[in-house]
Amino acid sequence: MDKWSYEELQEFIHEDIEEFMGDGLDIRQASSRVQVEYAKSIEDSELEKLIIYMVLCEEGVKHGFLRDDIKEQTQELLRRIDLGYCDPQLSDEERLKLRDDMNRTSSLLA
């Protein structure tokens, strides 16, 4: 994660969702806009993609509608993400938070 810290990326996405919804978009549209805005990060980094999709899941549940494609993509990422590969990109604190967030997101999607 070259551009942002783990928490910064999460915070940016939460803020963007709130901003997009404040501009009149519903959660479906705001989620799509995040996917467009963060397309390069989603394409370039499995770790950033996982973080982005976990936040999209959390926001979807929070706002009462989780798109099926986001749910399915997140479940797939949670199944196949290699934490061993991600570990060197994260601090010890970030690694623990990621594992906790992955468990929490898995519970949300169950």
N, C-alpha and C. Protein backbone atom coordinates (compact mmCIF):
# COMPACT_ATOMS: atom_id res chain seq x y z
N MET A 1 0.85 -1.17 0.00
CA MET A 1 0.00 0.00 0.00
C MET A 1 0.89 1.23 0.00
N ASP A 2 1.13 1.70 -1.19
CA ASP A 2 2.08 2.79 -1.34
C ASP A 2 1.48 4.17 -1.07
N LYS A 3 0.24 4.35 -1.47
CA LYS A 3 -0.35 5.69 -1.43
C LYS A 3 -0.89 6.06 -0.05
N TRP A 4 -1.57 5.12 0.58
CA TRP A 4 -2.29 5.42 1.81
C TRP A 4 -1.97 4.36 2.86
N SER A 5 -2.23 4.73 4.11
CA SER A 5 -2.21 3.72 5.16
C SER A 5 -3.55 2.99 5.11
N TYR A 6 -3.61 1.88 5.78
CA TYR A 6 -4.83 1.09 5.84
C TYR A 6 -6.01 1.94 6.33
N GLU A 7 -5.81 2.64 7.44
CA GLU A 7 -6.90 3.44 8.01
C GLU A 7 -7.25 4.64 7.14
N GLU A 8 -6.26 5.24 6.49
CA GLU A 8 -6.54 6.36 5.59
C GLU A 8 -7.44 5.92 4.45
N LEU A 9 -7.12 4.79 3.84
CA LEU A 9 -7.93 4.30 2.73
C LEU A 9 -9.37 4.07 3.18
N GLN A 10 -9.53 3.43 4.33
CA GLN A 10 -10.89 3.21 4.84
C GLN A 10 -11.61 4.54 5.06
N GLU A 11 -10.92 5.47 5.69
CA GLU A 11 -11.53 6.76 5.99
C GLU A 11 -11.93 7.50 4.71
N PHE A 12 -11.06 7.49 3.70
CA PHE A 12 -11.38 8.16 2.43
C PHE A 12 -12.64 7.58 1.80
N ILE A 13 -12.78 6.27 1.83
CA ILE A 13 -13.94 5.64 1.21
C ILE A 13 -15.21 5.98 1.98
N HIS A 14 -15.14 5.89 3.31
CA HIS A 14 -16.30 6.27 4.13
C HIS A 14 -16.70 7.73 3.84
N GLU A 15 -15.72 8.61 3.78
CA GLU A 15 -16.01 10.03 3.50
C GLU A 15 -16.58 10.22 2.10
N ASP A 16 -16.04 9.50 1.13
CA ASP A 16 -16.56 9.62 -0.24
C ASP A 16 -18.01 9.15 -0.31
N ILE A 17 -18.33 8.03 0.34
CA ILE A 17 -19.72 7.54 0.35
C ILE A 17 -20.64 8.61 0.92
N GLU A 18 -20.25 9.18 2.06
CA GLU A 18 -21.08 10.21 2.69
C GLU A 18 -21.22 11.43 1.78
N GLU A 19 -20.13 11.83 1.14
CA GLU A 19 -20.18 12.97 0.22
C GLU A 19 -21.09 12.68 -0.97
N PHE A 20 -20.94 11.51 -1.57
CA PHE A 20 -21.75 11.16 -2.73
C PHE A 20 -23.23 11.08 -2.36
N MET A 21 -23.51 10.53 -1.20
CA MET A 21 -24.91 10.45 -0.76
C MET A 21 -25.44 11.84 -0.41
N GLY A 22 -24.58 12.69 0.12
CA GLY A 22 -24.96 14.07 0.39
C GLY A 22 -25.27 14.84 -0.89
N ASP A 23 -24.66 14.39 -1.99
CA ASP A 23 -24.93 15.00 -3.30
C ASP A 23 -26.18 14.43 -3.96
N GLY A 24 -26.88 13.53 -3.25
CA GLY A 24 -28.15 13.02 -3.76
C GLY A 24 -28.12 11.61 -4.32
N LEU A 25 -26.97 10.95 -4.30
CA LEU A 25 -26.92 9.57 -4.78
C LEU A 25 -27.43 8.63 -3.70
N ASP A 26 -28.02 7.51 -4.11
CA ASP A 26 -28.37 6.48 -3.13
C ASP A 26 -27.14 5.58 -2.94
N ILE A 27 -27.22 4.62 -2.02
CA ILE A 27 -26.06 3.80 -1.70
C ILE A 27 -25.60 2.98 -2.90
N ARG A 28 -26.52 2.54 -3.75
CA ARG A 28 -26.13 1.80 -4.95
C ARG A 28 -25.26 2.67 -5.86
N GLN A 29 -25.73 3.88 -6.10
CA GLN A 29 -25.01 4.80 -6.97
C GLN A 29 -23.69 5.23 -6.35
N ALA A 30 -23.71 5.49 -5.04
CA ALA A 30 -22.48 5.91 -4.35
C ALA A 30 -21.44 4.79 -4.40
N SER A 31 -21.88 3.55 -4.26
CA SER A 31 -20.96 2.41 -4.34
C SER A 31 -20.34 2.32 -5.74
N SER A 32 -21.16 2.52 -6.76
CA SER A 32 -20.65 2.50 -8.13
C SER A 32 -19.64 3.62 -8.35
N ARG A 33 -19.93 4.75 -7.81
CA ARG A 33 -19.01 5.89 -7.96
C ARG A 33 -17.68 5.61 -7.28
N VAL A 34 -17.71 4.98 -6.11
CA VAL A 34 -16.46 4.60 -5.44
C VAL A 34 -15.68 3.64 -6.32
N GLN A 35 -16.37 2.67 -6.91
CA GLN A 35 -15.69 1.71 -7.78
C GLN A 35 -15.00 2.42 -8.94
N VAL A 36 -15.64 3.46 -9.48
CA VAL A 36 -15.04 4.22 -10.57
C VAL A 36 -13.87 5.07 -10.06
N GLU A 37 -14.09 5.77 -8.97
CA GLU A 37 -13.05 6.65 -8.42
C GLU A 37 -11.80 5.89 -8.00
N TYR A 38 -11.97 4.67 -7.52
CA TYR A 38 -10.84 3.87 -7.03
C TYR A 38 -10.49 2.73 -7.98
N ALA A 39 -10.87 2.85 -9.24
CA ALA A 39 -10.65 1.77 -10.22
C ALA A 39 -9.18 1.38 -10.33
N LYS A 40 -8.29 2.35 -10.34
CA LYS A 40 -6.86 2.03 -10.46
C LYS A 40 -6.37 1.25 -9.25
N SER A 41 -6.77 1.64 -8.06
CA SER A 41 -6.37 0.91 -6.85
C SER A 41 -6.96 -0.49 -6.85
N ILE A 42 -8.21 -0.62 -7.28
CA ILE A 42 -8.87 -1.92 -7.34
C ILE A 42 -8.15 -2.83 -8.33
N GLU A 43 -7.73 -2.26 -9.43
CA GLU A 43 -7.06 -3.04 -10.47
C GLU A 43 -5.61 -3.39 -10.10
N ASP A 44 -4.94 -2.47 -9.42
CA ASP A 44 -3.50 -2.63 -9.17
C ASP A 44 -3.14 -3.40 -7.90
N SER A 45 -4.05 -3.46 -6.93
CA SER A 45 -3.68 -4.04 -5.64
C SER A 45 -4.81 -4.89 -5.06
N GLU A 46 -4.54 -6.16 -4.88
CA GLU A 46 -5.54 -7.04 -4.26
C GLU A 46 -5.86 -6.59 -2.84
N LEU A 47 -4.85 -6.12 -2.12
CA LEU A 47 -5.06 -5.66 -0.75
C LEU A 47 -5.96 -4.43 -0.72
N GLU A 48 -5.67 -3.45 -1.55
CA GLU A 48 -6.52 -2.26 -1.59
C GLU A 48 -7.92 -2.60 -2.08
N LYS A 49 -8.01 -3.51 -3.03
CA LYS A 49 -9.32 -3.96 -3.52
C LYS A 49 -10.13 -4.57 -2.37
N LEU A 50 -9.49 -5.42 -1.58
CA LEU A 50 -10.16 -6.03 -0.43
C LEU A 50 -10.65 -4.96 0.54
N ILE A 51 -9.80 -4.02 0.87
CA ILE A 51 -10.16 -2.96 1.82
C ILE A 51 -11.34 -2.15 1.27
N ILE A 52 -11.27 -1.77 0.01
CA ILE A 52 -12.34 -0.99 -0.61
C ILE A 52 -13.66 -1.76 -0.58
N TYR A 53 -13.61 -3.02 -0.94
CA TYR A 53 -14.85 -3.82 -0.97
C TYR A 53 -15.39 -4.09 0.43
N MET A 54 -14.52 -4.25 1.41
CA MET A 54 -15.02 -4.43 2.78
C MET A 54 -15.76 -3.18 3.25
N VAL A 55 -15.22 -2.00 2.92
CA VAL A 55 -15.90 -0.75 3.29
C VAL A 55 -17.21 -0.63 2.53
N LEU A 56 -17.23 -0.99 1.25
CA LEU A 56 -18.48 -0.93 0.48
C LEU A 56 -19.54 -1.85 1.10
N CYS A 57 -19.13 -3.01 1.57
CA CYS A 57 -20.07 -3.92 2.25
C CYS A 57 -20.61 -3.29 3.52
N GLU A 58 -19.71 -2.77 4.31
CA GLU A 58 -20.12 -2.14 5.57
C GLU A 58 -21.10 -1.00 5.32
N GLU A 59 -20.79 -0.16 4.34
CA GLU A 59 -21.67 0.97 4.02
C GLU A 59 -23.00 0.50 3.45
N GLY A 60 -22.97 -0.54 2.61
CA GLY A 60 -24.21 -1.07 2.06
C GLY A 60 -25.13 -1.58 3.15
N VAL A 61 -24.58 -2.34 4.08
CA VAL A 61 -25.37 -2.87 5.20
C VAL A 61 -25.88 -1.71 6.06
N LYS A 62 -25.01 -0.77 6.35
CA LYS A 62 -25.38 0.40 7.17
C LYS A 62 -26.53 1.19 6.55
N HIS A 63 -26.53 1.31 5.23
CA HIS A 63 -27.56 2.10 4.54
C HIS A 63 -28.71 1.26 4.00
N GLY A 64 -28.74 -0.02 4.36
CA GLY A 64 -29.91 -0.84 4.06
C GLY A 64 -29.95 -1.50 2.70
N PHE A 65 -28.85 -1.42 1.93
CA PHE A 65 -28.85 -2.13 0.65
C PHE A 65 -27.43 -2.47 0.25
N LEU A 66 -27.15 -3.76 0.18
CA LEU A 66 -25.85 -4.24 -0.27
C LEU A 66 -26.02 -4.87 -1.63
N ARG A 67 -25.37 -4.30 -2.63
CA ARG A 67 -25.45 -4.84 -3.98
C ARG A 67 -24.90 -6.25 -4.02
N ASP A 68 -25.57 -7.12 -4.77
CA ASP A 68 -25.15 -8.53 -4.88
C ASP A 68 -23.74 -8.66 -5.43
N ASP A 69 -23.39 -7.85 -6.43
CA ASP A 69 -22.05 -7.96 -7.03
C ASP A 69 -20.96 -7.59 -6.03
N ILE A 70 -21.22 -6.62 -5.20
CA ILE A 70 -20.24 -6.23 -4.18
C ILE A 70 -20.12 -7.32 -3.13
N LYS A 71 -21.25 -7.88 -2.73
CA LYS A 71 -21.22 -8.98 -1.76
C LYS A 71 -20.44 -10.18 -2.31
N GLU A 72 -20.73 -10.56 -3.53
CA GLU A 72 -20.07 -11.72 -4.13
C GLU A 72 -18.58 -11.48 -4.32
N GLN A 73 -18.20 -10.29 -4.78
CA GLN A 73 -16.78 -9.97 -4.98
C GLN A 73 -16.04 -9.97 -3.65
N THR A 74 -16.66 -9.44 -2.62
CA THR A 74 -16.03 -9.39 -1.30
C THR A 74 -15.86 -10.79 -0.74
N GLN A 75 -16.88 -11.62 -0.87
CA GLN A 75 -16.77 -13.00 -0.41
C GLN A 75 -15.64 -13.73 -1.12
N GLU A 76 -15.52 -13.51 -2.42
CA GLU A 76 -14.44 -14.13 -3.19
C GLU A 76 -13.07 -13.64 -2.71
N LEU A 77 -12.94 -12.34 -2.49
CA LEU A 77 -11.68 -11.78 -1.99
C LEU A 77 -11.34 -12.33 -0.61
N LEU A 78 -12.32 -12.42 0.25
CA LEU A 78 -12.08 -12.95 1.60
C LEU A 78 -11.62 -14.40 1.55
N ARG A 79 -12.14 -15.16 0.58
CA ARG A 79 -11.75 -16.57 0.44
C ARG A 79 -10.33 -16.72 -0.09
N ARG A 80 -9.94 -15.87 -1.02
CA ARG A 80 -8.69 -16.13 -1.72
C ARG A 80 -7.53 -15.20 -1.36
N ILE A 81 -7.79 -14.16 -0.57
CA ILE A 81 -6.70 -13.23 -0.26
C ILE A 81 -5.60 -13.95 0.51
N ASP A 82 -4.39 -13.68 0.13
CA ASP A 82 -3.22 -14.29 0.76
C ASP A 82 -2.66 -13.30 1.78
N LEU A 83 -2.98 -13.52 3.05
CA LEU A 83 -2.50 -12.59 4.07
C LEU A 83 -0.99 -12.62 4.18
N GLY A 84 -0.37 -13.73 3.84
CA GLY A 84 1.08 -13.79 3.83
C GLY A 84 1.67 -12.81 2.85
N TYR A 85 1.02 -12.65 1.72
CA TYR A 85 1.45 -11.69 0.71
C TYR A 85 1.19 -10.26 1.19
N CYS A 86 0.08 -10.06 1.87
CA CYS A 86 -0.31 -8.73 2.33
C CYS A 86 0.50 -8.27 3.53
N ASP A 87 0.92 -9.23 4.36
CA ASP A 87 1.58 -8.87 5.61
C ASP A 87 2.75 -7.90 5.46
N PRO A 88 3.65 -8.10 4.47
CA PRO A 88 4.77 -7.16 4.37
C PRO A 88 4.35 -5.74 4.02
N GLN A 89 3.15 -5.57 3.48
CA GLN A 89 2.67 -4.24 3.10
C GLN A 89 2.05 -3.50 4.27
N LEU A 90 1.86 -4.19 5.39
CA LEU A 90 1.15 -3.62 6.53
C LEU A 90 2.02 -3.61 7.77
N SER A 91 1.76 -2.64 8.63
CA SER A 91 2.41 -2.65 9.94
C SER A 91 1.75 -3.73 10.79
N ASP A 92 2.34 -4.04 11.93
CA ASP A 92 1.76 -5.05 12.82
C ASP A 92 0.34 -4.65 13.24
N GLU A 93 0.17 -3.37 13.55
CA GLU A 93 -1.15 -2.87 13.97
C GLU A 93 -2.16 -2.98 12.84
N GLU A 94 -1.74 -2.63 11.63
CA GLU A 94 -2.64 -2.71 10.47
C GLU A 94 -3.00 -4.17 10.17
N ARG A 95 -2.05 -5.05 10.31
CA ARG A 95 -2.28 -6.48 10.06
C ARG A 95 -3.37 -7.01 11.00
N LEU A 96 -3.27 -6.66 12.28
CA LEU A 96 -4.28 -7.09 13.25
C LEU A 96 -5.64 -6.50 12.91
N LYS A 97 -5.66 -5.23 12.55
CA LYS A 97 -6.93 -4.58 12.19
C LYS A 97 -7.53 -5.23 10.94
N LEU A 98 -6.69 -5.54 9.96
CA LEU A 98 -7.18 -6.19 8.74
C LEU A 98 -7.82 -7.53 9.08
N ARG A 99 -7.16 -8.32 9.89
CA ARG A 99 -7.73 -9.63 10.26
C ARG A 99 -9.06 -9.46 10.99
N ASP A 100 -9.12 -8.50 11.92
CA ASP A 100 -10.38 -8.23 12.62
C ASP A 100 -11.46 -7.78 11.65
N ASP A 101 -11.10 -6.89 10.74
CA ASP A 101 -12.07 -6.38 9.76
C ASP A 101 -12.54 -7.48 8.82
N MET A 102 -11.63 -8.36 8.43
CA MET A 102 -12.02 -9.48 7.57
C MET A 102 -13.01 -10.38 8.29
N ASN A 103 -12.77 -10.66 9.56
CA ASN A 103 -13.69 -11.49 10.34
C ASN A 103 -15.04 -10.81 10.50
N ARG A 104 -15.02 -9.49 10.77
CA ARG A 104 -16.27 -8.75 10.93
C ARG A 104 -17.06 -8.72 9.63
N THR A 105 -16.36 -8.50 8.52
CA THR A 105 -17.03 -8.47 7.22
C THR A 105 -17.60 -9.85 6.88
N SER A 106 -16.86 -10.90 7.16
CA SER A 106 -17.37 -12.26 6.92
C SER A 106 -18.65 -12.49 7.70
N SER A 107 -18.69 -12.00 8.93
CA SER A 107 -19.91 -12.15 9.75
C SER A 107 -21.07 -11.36 9.17
N LEU A 108 -20.78 -10.16 8.65
CA LEU A 108 -21.83 -9.35 8.02
C LEU A 108 -22.44 -10.06 6.83
N LEU A 109 -21.62 -10.79 6.09
CA LEU A 109 -22.05 -11.41 4.85
C LEU A 109 -22.63 -12.81 5.04
N ALA A 110 -22.52 -13.33 6.23
CA ALA A 110 -22.99 -14.71 6.48
C ALA A 110 -24.50 -14.79 6.49
